[in-house]
Amino acid sequence: MRMGELEIGARAGRAGNAVATFFSRIGQHPPLPEYALHYYDSLKAKFETLPEPPASDGAARNAYFDAKAVAERARESLRWSDLMLLDLSIVRSLGFDALRLKIADLRAKLDGAAPPLPDGLVPKLDAATPARHTEALRAEAELLVTRVWHLRMARNARDRYVGELRSTIFNTLLAIVLLVFPAIFLLFKVPPLYLVIIAAGMLGALASFLRRLQAVATSAPNPDQSSDLSALAYEKRAALMSLAVGGVFAIVLYMMFAAGLGNVMGDMGPKFIALEELLLGGATFATFTDMGPATGGDYAKVLVWAFIAGFFEQLVPDVLDRVAHKKQ
C-alpha cells in the first residue's frame, strides 16, 4: 500500500506542476470572473469551519496555514492558482470521513472527463479504514482535485480563445458585408460576377467557421484539454485559410456551372447563356468573365451555391468526384 500511496502522491505532484506551467502560458493572470469569486466564497466558508490541525500532523497543519494565507488575501488580487491552492489545502486538512465524501464527489465530477485511477493504487471507499488508508485517500483526493482544476483552467482558457476567435470572425463578416460588397457595387456600374462570387464564398467559409466554434464551445470535456487549446491557438490562421479556400471553391464551382457541368446538380444548378461574342469569334478571358446566368433566379442560384461552396469545404471535391465518376 505504501508504494501505491507514493505513486498517487507523485502523480498529484506532477499534475500540479503541469497545471501551473500550463496556466502560466495561457495568459498573464487575467482577473477572476464573477462565478470564480462565488466559488472562492464557498471554499473560504468551508475553510472557516475547519479546526486548526494539531501540531503532530505537520502536513495538515502546513496545508491549513497555506489555505489561511489565501483566505486572507484581497478578492481583487486572487488568481485561479490561488483557488486551486485553497481547494488542495482544504483537502489536505480533511479528516477520514470527510475525505471519503470528498473523493466520492470528485469521482462523480470527473466521470467520463478523465481516465479512472488504477484499482490497485487506491483503496475502496466502502472498505477503507482510518488507521490504514487515510494517507492514501488524501493522496487520491489531491490528485482528483488537481484534475478538476486542470479541466476548469483549460475550459476557461478554451472559452477565452473561442471568444476572441468569434470576435475576429464577426468583425471580418461585418467588413465583407459592410465594406467589400458596397465597394464592389460602387466601383463597378455592373459588378463583375466573379467578385461577388468570391465574397459569397468567403461569407460561407466564415459562417461555417463560426458554426464549428459553437460546436467546440458546447462539446463534452476532453480528457486532454491541452490538445483542444493547442488547436485553438492556431485557429486564426485556419480562419484566414478558410477565407481563401471558400473564395477559390466558389470560383471553381462557378466555372463548373459555366462549363455546363451544373447538370450534376439537376434542377438546382443555374443555367448560363452564351453571349454573341462567344458564338461568333470564339472565347477569350474577357468574354468568359462577361458570361452570366440566364435569369435573375439563376443569378441567385449562383450566389447561393457560392455560399454553400465556402460553407461546406468538401462540396466542390465531392462534385468533382461525381463528375469524374459519371464520365467514367
Protein backbone atom coordinates (compact mmCIF):
# COMPACT_ATOMS: atom_id res chain seq x y z
CA MET A 1 0.00 0.00 0.00
CA ARG A 2 2.90 2.31 0.73
CA MET A 3 4.09 2.09 -2.89
CA GLY A 4 0.57 2.91 -4.06
CA GLU A 5 0.44 5.98 -1.84
CA LEU A 6 3.82 7.16 -3.13
CA GLU A 7 2.72 6.62 -6.72
CA ILE A 8 -0.51 8.62 -6.25
CA GLY A 9 1.39 11.38 -4.46
CA ALA A 10 3.94 11.55 -7.26
CA ARG A 11 1.17 11.74 -9.85
CA ALA A 12 -0.53 14.54 -7.92
CA GLY A 13 2.75 16.48 -7.77
CA ARG A 14 3.42 16.06 -11.49
CA ALA A 15 -0.14 17.05 -12.36
CA GLY A 16 0.06 20.13 -10.13
CA ASN A 17 3.30 21.25 -11.77
CA ALA A 18 1.82 20.67 -15.23
CA VAL A 19 -1.23 22.78 -14.40
CA ALA A 20 0.92 25.60 -13.02
CA THR A 21 3.14 25.58 -16.12
CA PHE A 22 0.16 25.36 -18.45
CA PHE A 23 -1.70 28.23 -16.82
CA SER A 24 1.37 30.46 -16.84
CA ARG A 25 1.42 30.13 -20.64
CA ILE A 26 -2.21 30.89 -21.43
CA GLY A 27 -2.32 34.41 -20.07
CA GLN A 28 -0.80 36.95 -17.78
CA HIS A 29 -3.05 36.35 -14.78
CA PRO A 30 -6.39 37.71 -16.03
CA PRO A 31 -8.80 38.82 -13.28
CA LEU A 32 -11.16 36.19 -11.97
CA PRO A 33 -14.70 36.23 -13.39
CA GLU A 34 -17.65 36.65 -11.05
CA TYR A 35 -18.54 32.95 -10.98
CA ALA A 36 -14.99 32.11 -9.83
CA LEU A 37 -15.29 34.58 -6.96
CA HIS A 38 -18.54 32.92 -5.92
CA TYR A 39 -16.74 29.60 -5.85
CA TYR A 40 -13.95 31.19 -3.81
CA ASP A 41 -16.53 32.36 -1.28
CA SER A 42 -17.80 28.80 -0.88
CA LEU A 43 -14.25 27.47 -0.43
CA LYS A 44 -13.48 30.18 2.11
CA ALA A 45 -16.65 29.37 4.05
CA LYS A 46 -15.66 25.70 4.06
CA PHE A 47 -12.18 26.55 5.31
CA GLU A 48 -13.53 28.69 8.15
CA THR A 49 -15.42 25.67 9.51
CA LEU A 50 -12.23 23.58 9.78
CA PRO A 51 -10.44 23.37 13.14
CA GLU A 52 -6.74 24.10 13.29
CA PRO A 53 -4.88 20.75 12.98
CA PRO A 54 -2.75 19.59 15.90
CA ALA A 55 0.97 20.20 15.85
CA SER A 56 1.58 16.46 15.48
CA ASP A 57 0.07 16.46 11.97
CA GLY A 58 2.66 18.54 10.15
CA ALA A 59 1.29 18.07 6.62
CA ALA A 60 -2.26 19.03 7.57
CA ARG A 61 -1.02 21.97 9.63
CA ASN A 62 1.07 23.35 6.76
CA ALA A 63 -1.90 22.97 4.42
CA TYR A 64 -4.13 24.78 6.93
CA PHE A 65 -1.88 27.82 7.05
CA ASP A 66 -1.50 27.83 3.25
CA ALA A 67 -5.27 27.98 2.99
CA LYS A 68 -5.43 30.67 5.64
CA ALA A 69 -2.99 32.84 3.70
CA VAL A 70 -5.18 32.59 0.59
CA ALA A 71 -8.39 33.25 2.55
CA GLU A 72 -6.92 36.45 3.98
CA ARG A 73 -5.95 37.89 0.58
CA ALA A 74 -7.92 40.69 -1.09
CA ARG A 75 -10.51 39.40 -3.54
CA GLU A 76 -9.29 41.58 -6.41
CA SER A 77 -5.80 40.09 -6.19
CA LEU A 78 -6.94 36.48 -6.38
CA ARG A 79 -5.94 34.24 -9.29
CA TRP A 80 -7.04 30.80 -10.47
CA SER A 81 -3.91 29.29 -8.93
CA ASP A 82 -4.94 30.72 -5.52
CA LEU A 83 -8.31 28.99 -5.71
CA MET A 84 -6.62 25.74 -6.63
CA LEU A 85 -4.20 26.07 -3.70
CA LEU A 86 -7.10 26.79 -1.34
CA ASP A 87 -9.00 23.76 -2.59
CA LEU A 88 -5.95 21.49 -2.25
CA SER A 89 -5.14 22.83 1.20
CA ILE A 90 -8.68 22.16 2.40
CA VAL A 91 -8.44 18.58 1.11
CA ARG A 92 -5.17 18.04 2.98
CA SER A 93 -6.84 19.26 6.17
CA LEU A 94 -9.88 16.94 5.98
CA GLY A 95 -10.43 14.02 8.30
CA PHE A 96 -11.08 10.44 7.21
CA ASP A 97 -14.87 10.57 6.82
CA ALA A 98 -14.81 13.95 5.09
CA LEU A 99 -12.12 12.65 2.72
CA ARG A 100 -14.32 9.74 1.65
CA LEU A 101 -17.21 12.08 0.88
CA LYS A 102 -14.92 14.48 -0.99
CA ILE A 103 -13.46 11.68 -3.11
CA ALA A 104 -16.92 10.35 -4.00
CA ASP A 105 -17.94 13.87 -5.09
CA LEU A 106 -14.76 14.36 -7.15
CA ARG A 107 -15.14 10.99 -8.85
CA ALA A 108 -18.69 11.94 -9.87
CA LYS A 109 -17.49 15.28 -11.30
CA LEU A 110 -14.75 13.60 -13.32
CA ASP A 111 -16.86 10.71 -14.56
CA GLY A 112 -16.20 10.50 -18.30
CA ALA A 113 -13.97 13.59 -18.29
CA ALA A 114 -10.75 11.94 -17.11
CA PRO A 115 -9.41 8.37 -17.09
CA PRO A 116 -10.04 6.49 -13.82
CA LEU A 117 -7.19 5.65 -11.47
CA PRO A 118 -5.93 2.04 -11.50
CA ASP A 119 -7.84 -0.08 -8.98
CA GLY A 120 -4.67 -1.41 -7.41
CA LEU A 121 -3.44 2.04 -6.35
CA VAL A 122 -6.39 3.26 -4.28
CA PRO A 123 -8.47 1.60 -1.56
CA LYS A 124 -12.20 1.03 -1.97
CA LEU A 125 -14.15 3.78 -0.26
CA ASP A 126 -16.56 1.39 1.42
CA ALA A 127 -13.71 -0.80 2.72
CA ALA A 128 -11.24 1.94 3.73
CA THR A 129 -10.22 2.22 7.39
CA PRO A 130 -8.81 5.30 9.18
CA ALA A 131 -5.74 3.53 10.50
CA ARG A 132 -4.54 2.20 7.15
CA HIS A 133 -6.00 4.33 4.40
CA THR A 134 -6.16 7.99 5.49
CA GLU A 135 -2.94 8.96 3.70
CA ALA A 136 -3.88 7.01 0.59
CA LEU A 137 -7.28 8.70 0.44
CA ARG A 138 -5.68 12.09 0.96
CA ALA A 139 -3.25 11.46 -1.90
CA GLU A 140 -6.09 10.37 -4.18
CA ALA A 141 -8.18 13.41 -3.24
CA GLU A 142 -5.27 15.72 -4.05
CA LEU A 143 -4.83 14.12 -7.46
CA LEU A 144 -8.56 14.33 -8.22
CA VAL A 145 -8.70 17.98 -7.15
CA THR A 146 -5.74 18.70 -9.41
CA ARG A 147 -7.53 17.03 -12.33
CA VAL A 148 -10.68 19.04 -11.67
CA TRP A 149 -8.73 22.28 -11.65
CA HIS A 150 -6.85 21.29 -14.78
CA LEU A 151 -10.20 20.92 -16.56
CA ARG A 152 -11.51 24.20 -15.12
CA MET A 153 -8.47 26.20 -16.14
CA ALA A 154 -8.35 24.58 -19.58
CA ARG A 155 -12.04 25.23 -20.16
CA ASN A 156 -11.64 28.84 -19.06
CA ALA A 157 -8.74 29.27 -21.49
CA ARG A 158 -10.70 27.49 -24.24
CA ASP A 159 -13.67 29.81 -23.75
CA ARG A 160 -11.39 32.85 -23.97
CA TYR A 161 -9.85 31.55 -27.20
CA VAL A 162 -13.31 30.89 -28.64
CA GLY A 163 -14.48 34.35 -27.62
CA GLU A 164 -11.50 36.02 -29.28
CA LEU A 165 -11.97 33.99 -32.46
CA ARG A 166 -15.69 34.77 -32.57
CA SER A 167 -14.89 38.48 -32.28
CA THR A 168 -12.32 38.27 -35.09
CA ILE A 169 -14.64 36.33 -37.40
CA PHE A 170 -17.63 38.55 -36.62
CA ASN A 171 -15.59 41.67 -37.44
CA THR A 172 -14.45 40.06 -40.69
CA LEU A 173 -18.06 39.22 -41.58
CA LEU A 174 -19.08 42.81 -40.94
CA ALA A 175 -16.19 44.04 -43.08
CA ILE A 176 -17.26 41.84 -46.00
CA VAL A 177 -20.93 42.80 -45.71
CA LEU A 178 -20.49 46.50 -44.95
CA LEU A 179 -17.30 47.28 -46.89
CA VAL A 180 -16.49 44.70 -49.57
CA PHE A 181 -19.96 44.33 -51.09
CA PRO A 182 -20.69 48.11 -51.14
CA ALA A 183 -17.22 48.76 -52.59
CA ILE A 184 -17.86 46.30 -55.42
CA PHE A 185 -21.15 47.97 -56.33
CA LEU A 186 -19.68 51.47 -56.03
CA LEU A 187 -16.59 50.79 -58.14
CA PHE A 188 -18.38 48.98 -60.94
CA LYS A 189 -21.54 50.03 -62.71
CA VAL A 190 -22.18 46.35 -63.37
CA PRO A 191 -20.26 44.44 -60.68
CA PRO A 192 -18.23 41.51 -62.07
CA LEU A 193 -19.97 38.32 -61.09
CA TYR A 194 -16.75 36.60 -60.09
CA LEU A 195 -16.02 39.25 -57.42
CA VAL A 196 -19.47 38.81 -55.91
CA ILE A 197 -19.00 35.03 -56.02
CA ILE A 198 -15.66 35.21 -54.18
CA ALA A 199 -17.21 37.41 -51.48
CA ALA A 200 -20.14 34.99 -51.12
CA GLY A 201 -17.75 32.05 -50.81
CA MET A 202 -15.82 33.87 -48.09
CA LEU A 203 -19.04 34.58 -46.22
CA GLY A 204 -19.91 30.89 -46.37
CA ALA A 205 -16.47 29.91 -45.07
CA LEU A 206 -16.71 32.31 -42.14
CA ALA A 207 -20.24 31.17 -41.29
CA SER A 208 -19.01 27.57 -41.29
CA PHE A 209 -16.10 28.54 -39.04
CA LEU A 210 -18.47 30.19 -36.56
CA ARG A 211 -20.57 27.04 -36.54
CA ARG A 212 -17.52 24.88 -35.75
CA LEU A 213 -16.54 27.23 -32.94
CA GLN A 214 -20.00 26.86 -31.44
CA ALA A 215 -19.59 23.08 -31.53
CA VAL A 216 -16.23 23.41 -29.72
CA ALA A 217 -17.74 25.64 -27.03
CA THR A 218 -20.57 23.18 -26.31
CA SER A 219 -18.58 19.95 -26.69
CA ALA A 220 -18.12 17.48 -23.86
CA PRO A 221 -14.93 17.78 -21.78
CA ASN A 222 -11.88 16.24 -23.38
CA PRO A 223 -9.59 14.25 -21.07
CA ASP A 224 -6.67 16.03 -22.72
CA GLN A 225 -7.86 19.65 -22.80
CA SER A 226 -4.41 20.85 -23.81
CA SER A 227 -4.89 19.31 -27.27
CA ASP A 228 -8.02 21.43 -27.81
CA LEU A 229 -6.17 24.54 -26.67
CA SER A 230 -3.24 23.80 -28.95
CA ALA A 231 -5.62 23.63 -31.92
CA LEU A 232 -7.49 26.80 -30.92
CA ALA A 233 -4.22 28.71 -30.54
CA TYR A 234 -3.68 28.43 -34.31
CA GLU A 235 -7.31 28.83 -35.41
CA LYS A 236 -6.80 32.42 -36.59
CA ARG A 237 -4.52 31.07 -39.30
CA ALA A 238 -7.15 28.44 -40.08
CA ALA A 239 -9.77 31.18 -40.38
CA LEU A 240 -7.65 33.03 -42.94
CA MET A 241 -7.12 29.80 -44.85
CA SER A 242 -10.87 29.19 -44.79
CA LEU A 243 -11.40 32.60 -46.39
CA ALA A 244 -9.05 31.74 -49.22
CA VAL A 245 -10.42 28.22 -49.66
CA GLY A 246 -14.03 29.47 -49.61
CA GLY A 247 -13.31 32.03 -52.35
CA VAL A 248 -11.39 29.52 -54.51
CA PHE A 249 -14.02 26.78 -54.20
CA ALA A 250 -16.79 29.27 -55.01
CA ILE A 251 -14.99 30.27 -58.23
CA VAL A 252 -14.30 26.62 -59.13
CA LEU A 253 -17.97 25.77 -58.71
CA TYR A 254 -18.94 28.79 -60.81
CA MET A 255 -16.58 27.65 -63.58
CA MET A 256 -18.12 24.18 -63.44
CA PHE A 257 -21.58 25.68 -63.91
CA ALA A 258 -20.33 27.91 -66.75
CA ALA A 259 -18.73 24.87 -68.40
CA GLY A 260 -22.05 23.05 -68.43
CA LEU A 261 -21.24 20.64 -65.61
CA GLY A 262 -24.05 22.00 -63.48
CA ASN A 263 -26.34 19.23 -64.74
CA VAL A 264 -24.86 17.12 -61.96
CA MET A 265 -26.98 19.26 -59.63
CA GLY A 266 -30.14 18.72 -61.68
CA ASP A 267 -32.73 21.50 -61.49
CA MET A 268 -30.86 23.05 -58.58
CA GLY A 269 -27.98 24.13 -60.83
CA PRO A 270 -28.11 27.54 -62.57
CA LYS A 271 -28.36 27.92 -66.33
CA PHE A 272 -25.96 30.14 -68.30
CA ILE A 273 -26.41 31.98 -71.60
CA ALA A 274 -23.81 32.06 -74.38
CA LEU A 275 -23.01 35.61 -75.45
CA GLU A 276 -22.85 36.66 -79.09
CA GLU A 277 -19.09 37.17 -78.92
CA LEU A 278 -18.63 33.56 -77.95
CA LEU A 279 -20.76 32.33 -80.81
CA LEU A 280 -19.11 34.48 -83.49
CA GLY A 281 -15.45 34.84 -82.66
CA GLY A 282 -14.55 32.22 -80.07
CA ALA A 283 -13.98 32.66 -76.38
CA THR A 284 -11.42 34.85 -74.66
CA PHE A 285 -10.91 35.53 -70.98
CA ALA A 286 -12.81 38.81 -71.34
CA THR A 287 -15.82 37.13 -72.95
CA PHE A 288 -15.68 34.34 -70.38
CA THR A 289 -15.88 36.79 -67.49
CA ASP A 290 -18.78 38.53 -69.25
CA MET A 291 -20.84 35.36 -69.21
CA GLY A 292 -23.77 35.40 -66.86
CA PRO A 293 -26.72 33.44 -65.54
CA ALA A 294 -29.73 33.24 -67.83
CA THR A 295 -32.25 34.75 -65.41
CA GLY A 296 -32.42 36.53 -62.09
CA GLY A 297 -33.29 33.22 -60.46
CA ASP A 298 -30.17 31.62 -61.93
CA TYR A 299 -28.09 34.56 -60.65
CA ALA A 300 -29.47 33.92 -57.17
CA LYS A 301 -28.64 30.22 -57.54
CA VAL A 302 -25.05 31.08 -58.38
CA LEU A 303 -24.68 33.16 -55.22
CA VAL A 304 -26.36 30.51 -53.09
CA TRP A 305 -24.05 27.82 -54.46
CA ALA A 306 -21.04 30.09 -53.94
CA PHE A 307 -22.01 30.49 -50.29
CA ILE A 308 -22.54 26.73 -49.96
CA ALA A 309 -19.15 26.03 -51.58
CA GLY A 310 -17.49 28.09 -48.85
CA PHE A 311 -19.68 26.69 -46.08
CA PHE A 312 -19.13 23.02 -46.97
CA GLU A 313 -15.46 22.66 -47.84
CA GLN A 314 -15.97 19.11 -49.15
CA LEU A 315 -18.73 20.08 -51.58
CA VAL A 316 -16.53 21.01 -54.56
CA PRO A 317 -14.21 17.98 -54.19
CA ASP A 318 -17.29 15.74 -53.93
CA VAL A 319 -18.86 17.30 -57.05
CA LEU A 320 -15.63 16.81 -58.98
CA ASP A 321 -15.58 13.16 -57.90
CA ARG A 322 -19.17 12.72 -59.07
CA VAL A 323 -18.38 14.32 -62.44
CA ALA A 324 -15.34 12.10 -62.90
CA HIS A 325 -17.34 9.01 -61.93
CA LYS A 326 -20.15 9.92 -64.35
CA LYS A 327 -17.69 10.42 -67.24
CA GLN A 328 -16.10 7.06 -66.49
